[in-house]
Amino acid sequence: MSGLAKSRLGKDRLGDARVRDVMSEKIVTISADERLSTVEDIMTLGQVRHMPVVRAGKLVGVVSERDLLRASLSNLSAFGNEQRRAFLQAVEIKRVMATPPIVIAADASVVEAAAMMADEKIGCLPVLDGDKLVGMLTETDILRYFASVAS
């Protein structure tokens, strides 16, 4: 959680915080037409585990490390690193991304978001203000929030 988000929250009661108060606003999006190799490179270099997938500026899915791993394991268990990389360069993100994306509104409660993530067994939620993507809420963001409230 950023210092700004922490100062906005203070010692809120558990259900008071809104998603916009704890989400990550600095997000990296990727086009549905990009290749899995690009996702892997960005995730490795940027230490990112989830990426919103966009087409014509609109959110159309989410791709995660888990999606990347699942695609690699199911297709490449008997191949070496060069063949794995060639495979990742050949596959478009839209073939493995989670769609439609499960999203949450910026003004929803953090408790509601945590329950949704647990119910859906997902590690992030793209955050929308209307139909505009404004952030990402991850498990780490939620854990940091609950830790700050508990301390």
N, C-alpha and C. Protein backbone atom coordinates (compact mmCIF):
# COMPACT_ATOMS: atom_id res chain seq x y z
N MET A 1 0.85 -1.16 0.00
CA MET A 1 0.00 0.00 0.00
C MET A 1 0.89 1.22 0.00
N SER A 2 0.55 2.19 -0.80
CA SER A 2 1.36 3.40 -0.86
C SER A 2 1.21 4.20 0.42
N GLY A 3 2.17 5.08 0.66
CA GLY A 3 2.09 5.95 1.82
C GLY A 3 0.83 6.80 1.79
N LEU A 4 0.44 7.26 0.60
CA LEU A 4 -0.77 8.06 0.46
C LEU A 4 -1.99 7.26 0.85
N ALA A 5 -2.10 6.02 0.36
CA ALA A 5 -3.25 5.19 0.71
C ALA A 5 -3.27 4.93 2.21
N LYS A 6 -2.11 4.68 2.81
CA LYS A 6 -2.04 4.40 4.24
C LYS A 6 -2.51 5.62 5.03
N SER A 7 -2.11 6.83 4.62
CA SER A 7 -2.50 8.02 5.35
C SER A 7 -3.99 8.31 5.18
N ARG A 8 -4.56 7.96 4.03
CA ARG A 8 -6.00 8.15 3.83
C ARG A 8 -6.81 7.21 4.70
N LEU A 9 -6.27 6.01 4.97
CA LEU A 9 -7.02 5.02 5.74
C LEU A 9 -6.95 5.27 7.23
N GLY A 10 -5.79 5.62 7.71
CA GLY A 10 -5.64 5.79 9.15
C GLY A 10 -6.04 4.51 9.87
N LYS A 11 -6.85 4.64 10.91
CA LYS A 11 -7.29 3.48 11.70
C LYS A 11 -8.77 3.22 11.44
N ASP A 12 -9.15 3.05 10.20
CA ASP A 12 -10.53 2.79 9.83
C ASP A 12 -11.05 1.52 10.47
N ARG A 13 -12.36 1.48 10.62
CA ARG A 13 -13.00 0.22 11.01
C ARG A 13 -12.92 -0.72 9.82
N LEU A 14 -13.01 -2.00 10.08
CA LEU A 14 -12.79 -3.02 9.07
C LEU A 14 -13.58 -2.80 7.78
N GLY A 15 -14.84 -2.46 7.86
CA GLY A 15 -15.68 -2.35 6.66
C GLY A 15 -15.69 -0.98 6.02
N ASP A 16 -14.92 -0.03 6.54
CA ASP A 16 -14.99 1.35 6.05
C ASP A 16 -14.22 1.59 4.75
N ALA A 17 -13.12 0.91 4.54
CA ALA A 17 -12.27 1.20 3.40
C ALA A 17 -12.93 0.80 2.09
N ARG A 18 -12.68 1.62 1.10
CA ARG A 18 -13.16 1.37 -0.25
C ARG A 18 -12.00 0.84 -1.08
N VAL A 19 -12.33 0.11 -2.12
CA VAL A 19 -11.32 -0.47 -3.00
C VAL A 19 -10.36 0.61 -3.50
N ARG A 20 -10.88 1.78 -3.87
CA ARG A 20 -10.02 2.86 -4.39
C ARG A 20 -8.94 3.27 -3.40
N ASP A 21 -9.18 3.03 -2.09
CA ASP A 21 -8.21 3.42 -1.05
C ASP A 21 -7.02 2.47 -0.95
N VAL A 22 -7.16 1.25 -1.42
CA VAL A 22 -6.09 0.26 -1.25
C VAL A 22 -5.59 -0.35 -2.56
N MET A 23 -6.24 -0.06 -3.67
CA MET A 23 -5.84 -0.64 -4.96
C MET A 23 -4.53 -0.06 -5.43
N SER A 24 -3.92 -0.75 -6.37
CA SER A 24 -2.73 -0.25 -7.06
C SER A 24 -3.20 0.54 -8.27
N GLU A 25 -2.80 1.79 -8.35
CA GLU A 25 -3.21 2.62 -9.48
C GLU A 25 -2.25 2.52 -10.65
N LYS A 26 -1.02 2.11 -10.37
CA LYS A 26 -0.04 1.94 -11.44
C LYS A 26 -0.18 0.53 -11.99
N ILE A 27 -0.84 0.44 -13.12
CA ILE A 27 -1.09 -0.88 -13.71
C ILE A 27 -0.49 -0.94 -15.11
N VAL A 28 -0.13 -2.15 -15.49
CA VAL A 28 0.40 -2.41 -16.82
C VAL A 28 -0.65 -3.23 -17.54
N THR A 29 -1.12 -2.72 -18.66
CA THR A 29 -2.09 -3.47 -19.47
C THR A 29 -1.38 -4.04 -20.68
N ILE A 30 -2.05 -5.00 -21.30
CA ILE A 30 -1.49 -5.62 -22.50
C ILE A 30 -2.62 -5.90 -23.48
N SER A 31 -2.30 -5.87 -24.75
CA SER A 31 -3.28 -6.12 -25.79
C SER A 31 -3.58 -7.61 -25.91
N ALA A 32 -4.82 -7.92 -26.21
CA ALA A 32 -5.24 -9.32 -26.39
C ALA A 32 -4.51 -9.98 -27.55
N ASP A 33 -3.96 -9.19 -28.45
CA ASP A 33 -3.28 -9.73 -29.63
C ASP A 33 -1.78 -9.96 -29.40
N GLU A 34 -1.27 -9.54 -28.25
CA GLU A 34 0.15 -9.79 -27.93
C GLU A 34 0.36 -11.28 -27.70
N ARG A 35 1.62 -11.66 -27.60
CA ARG A 35 1.99 -13.07 -27.42
C ARG A 35 2.32 -13.36 -25.96
N LEU A 36 2.20 -14.62 -25.59
CA LEU A 36 2.51 -15.04 -24.22
C LEU A 36 3.95 -14.73 -23.85
N SER A 37 4.85 -14.76 -24.81
CA SER A 37 6.24 -14.44 -24.52
C SER A 37 6.38 -13.00 -24.01
N THR A 38 5.57 -12.09 -24.54
CA THR A 38 5.59 -10.70 -24.08
C THR A 38 5.09 -10.61 -22.64
N VAL A 39 4.05 -11.35 -22.34
CA VAL A 39 3.52 -11.39 -20.96
C VAL A 39 4.60 -11.90 -20.01
N GLU A 40 5.24 -12.99 -20.40
CA GLU A 40 6.27 -13.57 -19.54
C GLU A 40 7.39 -12.56 -19.29
N ASP A 41 7.82 -11.86 -20.34
CA ASP A 41 8.89 -10.87 -20.20
C ASP A 41 8.48 -9.75 -19.26
N ILE A 42 7.29 -9.21 -19.43
CA ILE A 42 6.82 -8.11 -18.59
C ILE A 42 6.66 -8.57 -17.15
N MET A 43 6.09 -9.75 -16.95
CA MET A 43 5.89 -10.24 -15.59
C MET A 43 7.22 -10.48 -14.89
N THR A 44 8.19 -10.99 -15.63
CA THR A 44 9.50 -11.25 -15.04
C THR A 44 10.23 -9.95 -14.72
N LEU A 45 10.26 -9.05 -15.66
CA LEU A 45 11.00 -7.80 -15.47
C LEU A 45 10.30 -6.87 -14.48
N GLY A 46 8.98 -6.80 -14.54
CA GLY A 46 8.24 -5.87 -13.70
C GLY A 46 7.75 -6.43 -12.40
N GLN A 47 8.04 -7.70 -12.15
CA GLN A 47 7.55 -8.39 -10.95
C GLN A 47 6.04 -8.19 -10.80
N VAL A 48 5.34 -8.49 -11.88
CA VAL A 48 3.88 -8.38 -11.96
C VAL A 48 3.31 -9.78 -12.08
N ARG A 49 2.23 -10.06 -11.36
CA ARG A 49 1.64 -11.40 -11.41
C ARG A 49 0.32 -11.44 -12.18
N HIS A 50 -0.29 -10.28 -12.41
CA HIS A 50 -1.58 -10.20 -13.10
C HIS A 50 -1.57 -9.00 -14.02
N MET A 51 -2.13 -9.17 -15.21
CA MET A 51 -2.20 -8.07 -16.16
C MET A 51 -3.59 -7.99 -16.78
N PRO A 52 -4.19 -6.80 -16.73
CA PRO A 52 -5.45 -6.61 -17.46
C PRO A 52 -5.18 -6.66 -18.96
N VAL A 53 -6.07 -7.29 -19.68
CA VAL A 53 -5.95 -7.41 -21.14
C VAL A 53 -6.99 -6.50 -21.76
N VAL A 54 -6.53 -5.65 -22.69
CA VAL A 54 -7.41 -4.67 -23.31
C VAL A 54 -7.46 -4.85 -24.82
N ARG A 55 -8.57 -4.40 -25.38
CA ARG A 55 -8.73 -4.33 -26.83
C ARG A 55 -9.48 -3.04 -27.10
N ALA A 56 -8.90 -2.19 -27.95
CA ALA A 56 -9.48 -0.88 -28.27
C ALA A 56 -9.78 -0.09 -26.98
N GLY A 57 -8.89 -0.18 -26.01
CA GLY A 57 -9.03 0.59 -24.78
C GLY A 57 -10.01 0.03 -23.77
N LYS A 58 -10.64 -1.09 -24.07
CA LYS A 58 -11.63 -1.68 -23.17
C LYS A 58 -11.08 -2.97 -22.55
N LEU A 59 -11.38 -3.18 -21.29
CA LEU A 59 -10.96 -4.38 -20.58
C LEU A 59 -11.72 -5.59 -21.14
N VAL A 60 -10.96 -6.62 -21.56
CA VAL A 60 -11.59 -7.81 -22.12
C VAL A 60 -11.20 -9.09 -21.38
N GLY A 61 -10.20 -9.00 -20.49
CA GLY A 61 -9.76 -10.19 -19.77
C GLY A 61 -8.64 -9.87 -18.81
N VAL A 62 -8.14 -10.91 -18.17
CA VAL A 62 -6.99 -10.82 -17.27
C VAL A 62 -6.11 -12.02 -17.56
N VAL A 63 -4.81 -11.79 -17.61
CA VAL A 63 -3.86 -12.89 -17.75
C VAL A 63 -2.97 -12.88 -16.51
N SER A 64 -2.73 -14.05 -15.98
CA SER A 64 -1.96 -14.16 -14.75
C SER A 64 -0.78 -15.11 -14.94
N GLU A 65 0.11 -15.10 -13.96
CA GLU A 65 1.21 -16.07 -13.97
C GLU A 65 0.66 -17.48 -14.04
N ARG A 66 -0.43 -17.72 -13.35
CA ARG A 66 -1.05 -19.05 -13.34
C ARG A 66 -1.49 -19.45 -14.75
N ASP A 67 -2.06 -18.52 -15.52
CA ASP A 67 -2.47 -18.81 -16.91
C ASP A 67 -1.25 -19.15 -17.76
N LEU A 68 -0.19 -18.39 -17.57
CA LEU A 68 1.06 -18.63 -18.30
C LEU A 68 1.63 -20.00 -17.97
N LEU A 69 1.67 -20.32 -16.70
CA LEU A 69 2.19 -21.62 -16.27
C LEU A 69 1.33 -22.76 -16.79
N ARG A 70 0.02 -22.60 -16.70
CA ARG A 70 -0.90 -23.64 -17.17
C ARG A 70 -0.71 -23.90 -18.66
N ALA A 71 -0.58 -22.84 -19.44
CA ALA A 71 -0.38 -22.99 -20.90
C ALA A 71 0.94 -23.69 -21.18
N SER A 72 1.98 -23.33 -20.46
CA SER A 72 3.29 -23.94 -20.68
C SER A 72 3.30 -25.41 -20.28
N LEU A 73 2.76 -25.72 -19.12
CA LEU A 73 2.79 -27.10 -18.64
C LEU A 73 1.96 -28.03 -19.50
N SER A 74 0.78 -27.57 -19.89
CA SER A 74 -0.10 -28.46 -20.65
C SER A 74 0.41 -28.74 -22.05
N ASN A 75 1.25 -27.87 -22.59
CA ASN A 75 1.70 -28.03 -23.96
C ASN A 75 3.18 -28.39 -24.11
N LEU A 76 3.96 -28.22 -23.04
CA LEU A 76 5.39 -28.32 -23.22
C LEU A 76 6.11 -29.20 -22.21
N SER A 77 5.43 -30.10 -21.60
CA SER A 77 6.07 -30.89 -20.55
C SER A 77 7.27 -31.69 -21.05
N ALA A 78 7.32 -32.03 -22.32
CA ALA A 78 8.42 -32.86 -22.83
C ALA A 78 9.44 -32.06 -23.64
N PHE A 79 9.33 -30.72 -23.65
CA PHE A 79 10.20 -29.91 -24.49
C PHE A 79 11.21 -29.11 -23.66
N GLY A 80 12.26 -28.65 -24.32
CA GLY A 80 13.29 -27.84 -23.68
C GLY A 80 12.93 -26.36 -23.69
N ASN A 81 13.83 -25.54 -23.16
CA ASN A 81 13.59 -24.11 -23.00
C ASN A 81 13.39 -23.40 -24.33
N GLU A 82 14.15 -23.75 -25.37
CA GLU A 82 14.00 -23.10 -26.67
C GLU A 82 12.63 -23.37 -27.28
N GLN A 83 12.18 -24.63 -27.18
CA GLN A 83 10.86 -24.97 -27.71
C GLN A 83 9.76 -24.29 -26.90
N ARG A 84 9.96 -24.19 -25.59
CA ARG A 84 8.98 -23.51 -24.72
C ARG A 84 8.86 -22.06 -25.14
N ARG A 85 9.99 -21.39 -25.36
CA ARG A 85 9.98 -19.97 -25.76
C ARG A 85 9.32 -19.80 -27.12
N ALA A 86 9.60 -20.70 -28.05
CA ALA A 86 8.98 -20.63 -29.37
C ALA A 86 7.46 -20.78 -29.26
N PHE A 87 7.03 -21.68 -28.38
CA PHE A 87 5.60 -21.85 -28.16
C PHE A 87 4.98 -20.56 -27.62
N LEU A 88 5.62 -19.97 -26.62
CA LEU A 88 5.08 -18.75 -26.01
C LEU A 88 5.03 -17.61 -27.02
N GLN A 89 5.96 -17.58 -27.96
CA GLN A 89 5.95 -16.54 -28.99
C GLN A 89 4.85 -16.77 -30.02
N ALA A 90 4.38 -17.98 -30.13
CA ALA A 90 3.36 -18.30 -31.14
C ALA A 90 1.93 -18.13 -30.62
N VAL A 91 1.74 -18.12 -29.31
CA VAL A 91 0.38 -18.11 -28.75
C VAL A 91 -0.04 -16.71 -28.35
N GLU A 92 -1.23 -16.30 -28.82
CA GLU A 92 -1.78 -15.00 -28.44
C GLU A 92 -2.40 -15.09 -27.05
N ILE A 93 -2.33 -14.00 -26.34
CA ILE A 93 -2.86 -13.91 -24.97
C ILE A 93 -4.34 -14.29 -24.93
N LYS A 94 -5.08 -13.86 -25.93
CA LYS A 94 -6.53 -14.10 -25.91
C LYS A 94 -6.88 -15.59 -25.85
N ARG A 95 -5.93 -16.47 -26.16
CA ARG A 95 -6.19 -17.92 -26.09
C ARG A 95 -6.13 -18.46 -24.67
N VAL A 96 -5.47 -17.74 -23.75
CA VAL A 96 -5.32 -18.27 -22.39
C VAL A 96 -5.86 -17.34 -21.30
N MET A 97 -6.23 -16.11 -21.63
CA MET A 97 -6.67 -15.16 -20.61
C MET A 97 -8.02 -15.57 -20.02
N ALA A 98 -8.24 -15.11 -18.80
CA ALA A 98 -9.54 -15.32 -18.15
C ALA A 98 -10.51 -14.28 -18.69
N THR A 99 -11.60 -14.77 -19.26
CA THR A 99 -12.60 -13.88 -19.83
C THR A 99 -13.98 -14.47 -19.64
N PRO A 100 -15.00 -13.70 -19.38
CA PRO A 100 -14.93 -12.27 -19.14
C PRO A 100 -14.25 -12.01 -17.79
N PRO A 101 -13.61 -10.84 -17.67
CA PRO A 101 -12.93 -10.56 -16.41
C PRO A 101 -13.92 -10.35 -15.27
N ILE A 102 -13.54 -10.82 -14.10
CA ILE A 102 -14.32 -10.55 -12.89
C ILE A 102 -13.78 -9.23 -12.36
N VAL A 103 -14.63 -8.23 -12.22
CA VAL A 103 -14.20 -6.88 -11.88
C VAL A 103 -14.92 -6.40 -10.62
N ILE A 104 -14.44 -5.28 -10.11
CA ILE A 104 -15.09 -4.65 -8.96
C ILE A 104 -15.07 -3.14 -9.16
N ALA A 105 -16.05 -2.48 -8.59
CA ALA A 105 -16.14 -1.02 -8.68
C ALA A 105 -15.20 -0.38 -7.66
N ALA A 106 -14.69 0.78 -8.01
CA ALA A 106 -13.75 1.49 -7.14
C ALA A 106 -14.38 1.85 -5.80
N ASP A 107 -15.69 2.04 -5.77
CA ASP A 107 -16.34 2.44 -4.52
C ASP A 107 -16.86 1.25 -3.70
N ALA A 108 -16.59 0.03 -4.14
CA ALA A 108 -16.98 -1.16 -3.36
C ALA A 108 -16.11 -1.26 -2.11
N SER A 109 -16.59 -1.99 -1.12
CA SER A 109 -15.81 -2.14 0.11
C SER A 109 -14.69 -3.17 -0.09
N VAL A 110 -13.62 -2.99 0.67
CA VAL A 110 -12.51 -3.94 0.62
C VAL A 110 -12.97 -5.30 1.11
N VAL A 111 -13.87 -5.33 2.09
CA VAL A 111 -14.39 -6.60 2.61
C VAL A 111 -15.15 -7.33 1.51
N GLU A 112 -15.96 -6.61 0.74
CA GLU A 112 -16.69 -7.21 -0.39
C GLU A 112 -15.72 -7.76 -1.43
N ALA A 113 -14.67 -7.01 -1.71
CA ALA A 113 -13.66 -7.45 -2.69
C ALA A 113 -12.96 -8.71 -2.21
N ALA A 114 -12.60 -8.75 -0.92
CA ALA A 114 -11.92 -9.93 -0.37
C ALA A 114 -12.82 -11.16 -0.48
N ALA A 115 -14.10 -10.99 -0.16
CA ALA A 115 -15.04 -12.11 -0.26
C ALA A 115 -15.18 -12.58 -1.70
N MET A 116 -15.23 -11.65 -2.63
CA MET A 116 -15.37 -12.00 -4.05
C MET A 116 -14.14 -12.78 -4.53
N MET A 117 -12.96 -12.31 -4.14
CA MET A 117 -11.74 -12.99 -4.56
C MET A 117 -11.67 -14.40 -3.97
N ALA A 118 -12.08 -14.55 -2.72
CA ALA A 118 -12.08 -15.88 -2.09
C ALA A 118 -13.09 -16.80 -2.77
N ASP A 119 -14.30 -16.29 -3.02
CA ASP A 119 -15.35 -17.09 -3.65
C ASP A 119 -14.96 -17.53 -5.05
N GLU A 120 -14.35 -16.63 -5.81
CA GLU A 120 -13.99 -16.92 -7.20
C GLU A 120 -12.63 -17.60 -7.33
N LYS A 121 -11.89 -17.67 -6.21
CA LYS A 121 -10.54 -18.26 -6.21
C LYS A 121 -9.61 -17.56 -7.21
N ILE A 122 -9.58 -16.22 -7.09
CA ILE A 122 -8.74 -15.41 -7.97
C ILE A 122 -7.82 -14.53 -7.12
N GLY A 123 -6.71 -14.11 -7.71
CA GLY A 123 -5.71 -13.34 -6.98
C GLY A 123 -5.76 -11.84 -7.22
N CYS A 124 -6.66 -11.40 -8.10
CA CYS A 124 -6.75 -9.96 -8.36
C CYS A 124 -8.12 -9.62 -8.92
N LEU A 125 -8.43 -8.35 -8.83
CA LEU A 125 -9.64 -7.81 -9.43
C LEU A 125 -9.30 -6.52 -10.16
N PRO A 126 -9.57 -6.44 -11.45
CA PRO A 126 -9.47 -5.14 -12.11
C PRO A 126 -10.52 -4.21 -11.49
N VAL A 127 -10.15 -2.96 -11.28
CA VAL A 127 -11.03 -2.00 -10.63
C VAL A 127 -11.53 -1.01 -11.68
N LEU A 128 -12.86 -0.86 -11.72
CA LEU A 128 -13.48 0.03 -12.70
C LEU A 128 -14.16 1.20 -12.01
N ASP A 129 -14.11 2.34 -12.68
CA ASP A 129 -14.92 3.51 -12.33
C ASP A 129 -15.79 3.72 -13.54
N GLY A 130 -17.04 3.29 -13.44
CA GLY A 130 -17.88 3.21 -14.63
C GLY A 130 -17.35 2.09 -15.50
N ASP A 131 -16.98 2.40 -16.74
CA ASP A 131 -16.38 1.38 -17.60
C ASP A 131 -14.89 1.62 -17.81
N LYS A 132 -14.31 2.55 -17.03
CA LYS A 132 -12.89 2.88 -17.16
C LYS A 132 -12.06 2.09 -16.14
N LEU A 133 -11.01 1.44 -16.63
CA LEU A 133 -10.08 0.71 -15.77
C LEU A 133 -9.24 1.73 -15.02
N VAL A 134 -9.32 1.71 -13.67
CA VAL A 134 -8.61 2.70 -12.86
C VAL A 134 -7.57 2.08 -11.92
N GLY A 135 -7.54 0.75 -11.82
CA GLY A 135 -6.56 0.13 -10.94
C GLY A 135 -6.71 -1.38 -10.89
N MET A 136 -5.86 -1.99 -10.07
CA MET A 136 -5.91 -3.43 -9.81
C MET A 136 -5.87 -3.62 -8.30
N LEU A 137 -6.69 -4.51 -7.82
CA LEU A 137 -6.68 -4.88 -6.42
C LEU A 137 -6.16 -6.31 -6.35
N THR A 138 -5.09 -6.52 -5.59
CA THR A 138 -4.49 -7.85 -5.48
C THR A 138 -4.64 -8.37 -4.07
N GLU A 139 -4.36 -9.65 -3.92
CA GLU A 139 -4.36 -10.26 -2.58
C GLU A 139 -3.41 -9.52 -1.66
N THR A 140 -2.28 -9.10 -2.18
CA THR A 140 -1.30 -8.38 -1.36
C THR A 140 -1.87 -7.05 -0.87
N ASP A 141 -2.59 -6.33 -1.73
CA ASP A 141 -3.21 -5.07 -1.32
C ASP A 141 -4.18 -5.30 -0.16
N ILE A 142 -4.98 -6.36 -0.27
CA ILE A 142 -5.96 -6.67 0.77
C ILE A 142 -5.28 -7.08 2.07
N LEU A 143 -4.26 -7.93 1.97
CA LEU A 143 -3.53 -8.34 3.18
C LEU A 143 -2.89 -7.15 3.87
N ARG A 144 -2.32 -6.24 3.10
CA ARG A 144 -1.71 -5.03 3.70
C ARG A 144 -2.77 -4.19 4.41
N TYR A 145 -3.93 -4.08 3.79
CA TYR A 145 -5.02 -3.31 4.42
C TYR A 145 -5.44 -3.95 5.74
N PHE A 146 -5.72 -5.25 5.72
CA PHE A 146 -6.14 -5.92 6.96
C PHE A 146 -5.06 -5.86 8.04
N ALA A 147 -3.80 -5.96 7.64
CA ALA A 147 -2.71 -5.85 8.61
C ALA A 147 -2.66 -4.46 9.23
N SER A 148 -2.91 -3.41 8.42
CA SER A 148 -2.89 -2.04 8.95
C SER A 148 -4.05 -1.79 9.90
N VAL A 149 -5.20 -2.38 9.63
CA VAL A 149 -6.36 -2.23 10.51
C VAL A 149 -6.14 -2.99 11.82
N ALA A 150 -5.50 -4.14 11.73
CA ALA A 150 -5.31 -4.97 12.92
C ALA A 150 -4.22 -4.43 13.86
N SER A 151 -3.30 -3.62 13.31
CA SER A 151 -2.20 -3.16 14.16
C SER A 151 -2.53 -1.88 14.90
